[in-house]
């Protein structure tokens, strides 16, 4: 009988653990599907893309100049 009680206790512990994990998953899904989270995520992505575009525009002439210089050193004709 003691062995059966131990098994039941083990099963109950596992069920409690799984229940907690399911609650955590539910809370996470609820959070990431909220309008607030989605709006913040979109704003973050927009900000990152904007910063990347600005950086690309700022360094593009310098990189182009470096590439032209490299091609000239290798004997290519550039205009």
N, C-alpha and C. Protein backbone atom coordinates (compact mmCIF):
# COMPACT_ATOMS: atom_id res chain seq x y z
N UNK A 1 0.81 -1.18 0.00
CA UNK A 1 0.00 0.00 0.00
C UNK A 1 0.87 1.27 0.00
N UNK A 2 1.97 1.21 0.71
CA UNK A 2 2.89 2.36 0.79
C UNK A 2 3.46 2.69 -0.58
N UNK A 3 3.76 1.64 -1.36
CA UNK A 3 4.32 1.83 -2.69
C UNK A 3 3.31 2.54 -3.59
N UNK A 4 2.04 2.19 -3.49
CA UNK A 4 0.98 2.80 -4.27
C UNK A 4 0.82 4.28 -3.90
N UNK A 5 0.90 4.58 -2.61
CA UNK A 5 0.80 5.97 -2.16
C UNK A 5 1.96 6.81 -2.69
N UNK A 6 3.15 6.24 -2.72
CA UNK A 6 4.32 6.95 -3.25
C UNK A 6 4.13 7.26 -4.73
N UNK A 7 3.59 6.29 -5.47
CA UNK A 7 3.35 6.49 -6.90
C UNK A 7 2.31 7.58 -7.10
N UNK A 8 1.26 7.57 -6.32
CA UNK A 8 0.21 8.58 -6.43
C UNK A 8 0.79 9.96 -6.11
N UNK A 9 1.60 10.05 -5.08
CA UNK A 9 2.24 11.32 -4.73
C UNK A 9 3.15 11.81 -5.86
N UNK A 10 3.87 10.89 -6.47
CA UNK A 10 4.76 11.25 -7.58
C UNK A 10 3.94 11.77 -8.77
N UNK A 11 2.84 11.10 -9.07
CA UNK A 11 1.97 11.53 -10.16
C UNK A 11 1.38 12.90 -9.86
N UNK A 12 0.95 13.12 -8.63
CA UNK A 12 0.39 14.42 -8.25
C UNK A 12 1.44 15.53 -8.37
N UNK A 13 2.66 15.23 -7.97
CA UNK A 13 3.74 16.22 -8.10
C UNK A 13 3.99 16.57 -9.57
N UNK A 14 3.99 15.54 -10.41
CA UNK A 14 4.18 15.79 -11.84
C UNK A 14 3.04 16.62 -12.41
N UNK A 15 1.82 16.31 -12.01
CA UNK A 15 0.68 17.08 -12.49
C UNK A 15 0.74 18.54 -12.05
N UNK A 16 1.14 18.76 -10.80
CA UNK A 16 1.29 20.13 -10.31
C UNK A 16 2.36 20.88 -11.11
N UNK A 17 3.46 20.20 -11.37
CA UNK A 17 4.54 20.80 -12.14
C UNK A 17 4.08 21.15 -13.56
N UNK A 18 3.38 20.23 -14.18
CA UNK A 18 2.88 20.47 -15.53
C UNK A 18 1.85 21.60 -15.54
N UNK A 19 1.03 21.66 -14.50
CA UNK A 19 0.03 22.71 -14.40
C UNK A 19 0.71 24.08 -14.32
N UNK A 20 1.78 24.18 -13.55
CA UNK A 20 2.52 25.43 -13.44
C UNK A 20 3.13 25.82 -14.79
N UNK A 21 3.70 24.84 -15.50
CA UNK A 21 4.27 25.12 -16.82
C UNK A 21 3.19 25.60 -17.78
N UNK A 22 2.03 24.98 -17.76
CA UNK A 22 0.93 25.39 -18.63
C UNK A 22 0.48 26.81 -18.29
N UNK A 23 0.42 27.15 -17.02
CA UNK A 23 0.07 28.51 -16.62
C UNK A 23 1.10 29.50 -17.13
N UNK A 24 2.38 29.16 -17.00
CA UNK A 24 3.44 30.04 -17.49
C UNK A 24 3.33 30.25 -19.00
N UNK A 25 3.09 29.18 -19.72
CA UNK A 25 2.93 29.27 -21.18
C UNK A 25 1.73 30.13 -21.52
N UNK A 26 0.64 29.92 -20.82
CA UNK A 26 -0.57 30.71 -21.05
C UNK A 26 -0.30 32.20 -20.81
N UNK A 27 0.37 32.51 -19.70
CA UNK A 27 0.68 33.91 -19.40
C UNK A 27 1.57 34.53 -20.47
N UNK A 28 2.56 33.77 -20.95
CA UNK A 28 3.46 34.26 -21.98
C UNK A 28 2.70 34.53 -23.28
N UNK A 29 1.89 33.58 -23.68
CA UNK A 29 1.11 33.75 -24.92
C UNK A 29 0.18 34.94 -24.80
N UNK A 30 -0.44 35.07 -23.65
CA UNK A 30 -1.34 36.20 -23.42
C UNK A 30 -0.59 37.52 -23.53
N UNK A 31 0.64 37.55 -22.99
CA UNK A 31 1.44 38.77 -23.03
C UNK A 31 1.85 39.13 -24.45
N UNK A 32 2.40 38.14 -25.19
CA UNK A 32 2.95 38.45 -26.51
C UNK A 32 1.86 38.66 -27.57
N UNK A 33 0.64 38.34 -27.26
CA UNK A 33 -0.44 38.60 -28.20
C UNK A 33 -1.24 39.85 -27.81
N UNK A 34 -0.82 40.52 -26.75
CA UNK A 34 -1.53 41.73 -26.33
C UNK A 34 -1.21 42.88 -27.29
N UNK A 35 -2.14 43.81 -27.40
CA UNK A 35 -1.94 44.97 -28.28
C UNK A 35 -0.74 45.79 -27.84
N UNK A 36 -0.55 45.92 -26.54
CA UNK A 36 0.58 46.69 -26.02
C UNK A 36 1.91 46.07 -26.44
N UNK A 37 2.04 44.75 -26.27
CA UNK A 37 3.29 44.07 -26.62
C UNK A 37 3.55 44.17 -28.12
N UNK A 38 2.51 43.93 -28.91
CA UNK A 38 2.67 44.00 -30.37
C UNK A 38 3.06 45.40 -30.81
N UNK A 39 2.42 46.42 -30.22
CA UNK A 39 2.78 47.80 -30.55
C UNK A 39 4.21 48.13 -30.19
N UNK A 40 4.65 47.70 -29.00
CA UNK A 40 6.03 47.95 -28.58
C UNK A 40 7.02 47.21 -29.48
N UNK A 41 6.66 46.00 -29.85
CA UNK A 41 7.53 45.21 -30.73
C UNK A 41 7.66 45.87 -32.10
N UNK A 42 6.55 46.34 -32.62
CA UNK A 42 6.59 47.03 -33.93
C UNK A 42 7.42 48.30 -33.85
N UNK A 43 7.27 49.05 -32.75
CA UNK A 43 8.04 50.28 -32.59
C UNK A 43 9.53 49.97 -32.48
N UNK A 44 9.87 48.92 -31.76
CA UNK A 44 11.28 48.51 -31.64
C UNK A 44 11.84 48.13 -33.00
N UNK A 45 11.10 47.33 -33.76
CA UNK A 45 11.56 46.92 -35.09
C UNK A 45 11.70 48.13 -36.02
N UNK A 46 10.74 49.05 -35.94
CA UNK A 46 10.82 50.25 -36.75
C UNK A 46 12.07 51.05 -36.40
N UNK A 47 12.32 51.22 -35.11
CA UNK A 47 13.48 52.00 -34.67
C UNK A 47 14.79 51.35 -35.12
N UNK A 48 14.87 50.04 -35.02
CA UNK A 48 16.08 49.33 -35.46
C UNK A 48 16.28 49.51 -36.96
N UNK A 49 15.20 49.35 -37.72
CA UNK A 49 15.30 49.50 -39.18
C UNK A 49 15.67 50.93 -39.57
N UNK A 50 15.09 51.90 -38.88
CA UNK A 50 15.41 53.30 -39.16
C UNK A 50 16.88 53.59 -38.87
N UNK A 51 17.37 53.13 -37.73
CA UNK A 51 18.77 53.33 -37.38
C UNK A 51 19.69 52.65 -38.41
N UNK A 52 19.32 51.47 -38.85
CA UNK A 52 20.13 50.75 -39.84
C UNK A 52 20.14 51.50 -41.17
N UNK A 53 18.99 52.05 -41.56
CA UNK A 53 18.92 52.83 -42.81
C UNK A 53 19.78 54.08 -42.73
N UNK A 54 19.71 54.77 -41.59
CA UNK A 54 20.51 55.99 -41.41
C UNK A 54 21.99 55.65 -41.43
N UNK A 55 22.38 54.60 -40.74
CA UNK A 55 23.79 54.19 -40.71
C UNK A 55 24.26 53.80 -42.10
N UNK A 56 23.44 53.06 -42.83
CA UNK A 56 23.81 52.64 -44.18
C UNK A 56 24.01 53.85 -45.08
N UNK A 57 23.10 54.81 -45.00
CA UNK A 57 23.24 56.02 -45.81
C UNK A 57 24.49 56.81 -45.43
N UNK A 58 24.81 56.82 -44.15
CA UNK A 58 25.97 57.59 -43.69
C UNK A 58 27.29 56.96 -44.13
N UNK A 59 27.37 55.64 -44.16
CA UNK A 59 28.65 55.01 -44.50
C UNK A 59 28.76 54.62 -45.96
N UNK A 60 27.67 54.66 -46.70
CA UNK A 60 27.71 54.23 -48.09
C UNK A 60 28.73 54.99 -48.93
N UNK A 61 28.77 56.34 -48.88
CA UNK A 61 29.77 57.05 -49.70
C UNK A 61 31.20 56.65 -49.34
N UNK A 62 31.47 56.47 -48.06
CA UNK A 62 32.81 56.10 -47.62
C UNK A 62 33.17 54.71 -48.16
N UNK A 63 32.25 53.77 -48.06
CA UNK A 63 32.52 52.42 -48.56
C UNK A 63 32.68 52.44 -50.08
N UNK A 64 31.84 53.22 -50.76
CA UNK A 64 31.97 53.32 -52.21
C UNK A 64 33.34 53.86 -52.58
N UNK A 65 33.80 54.88 -51.88
CA UNK A 65 35.12 55.44 -52.14
C UNK A 65 36.23 54.42 -51.91
N UNK A 66 36.10 53.63 -50.85
CA UNK A 66 37.09 52.61 -50.57
C UNK A 66 37.12 51.55 -51.66
N UNK A 67 35.94 51.18 -52.15
CA UNK A 67 35.87 50.17 -53.21
C UNK A 67 36.48 50.70 -54.51
N UNK A 68 36.20 51.96 -54.83
CA UNK A 68 36.77 52.58 -56.04
C UNK A 68 38.29 52.62 -55.94
N UNK A 69 38.80 53.03 -54.77
CA UNK A 69 40.26 53.07 -54.57
C UNK A 69 40.87 51.68 -54.72
N UNK A 70 40.23 50.67 -54.16
CA UNK A 70 40.73 49.31 -54.26
C UNK A 70 40.75 48.84 -55.71
N UNK A 71 39.69 49.13 -56.45
CA UNK A 71 39.64 48.74 -57.86
C UNK A 71 40.71 49.46 -58.68
N UNK A 72 40.93 50.74 -58.37
CA UNK A 72 41.98 51.49 -59.08
C UNK A 72 43.35 50.89 -58.82
N UNK A 73 43.60 50.48 -57.56
CA UNK A 73 44.89 49.87 -57.22
C UNK A 73 45.10 48.56 -57.97
N UNK A 74 44.00 47.88 -58.28
CA UNK A 74 44.08 46.60 -59.00
C UNK A 74 44.09 46.80 -60.52
N UNK A 75 44.07 48.07 -60.96
CA UNK A 75 44.17 48.33 -62.38
C UNK A 75 42.85 48.50 -63.11
N UNK A 76 41.78 48.52 -62.42
CA UNK A 76 40.48 48.71 -63.05
C UNK A 76 40.29 50.19 -63.36
N UNK A 77 39.60 50.44 -64.46
CA UNK A 77 39.27 51.83 -64.79
C UNK A 77 37.92 52.14 -64.16
N UNK A 78 37.88 53.23 -63.44
CA UNK A 78 36.62 53.64 -62.80
C UNK A 78 36.32 55.07 -63.21
N UNK A 79 35.08 55.40 -63.18
CA UNK A 79 34.67 56.76 -63.55
C UNK A 79 33.96 57.43 -62.44
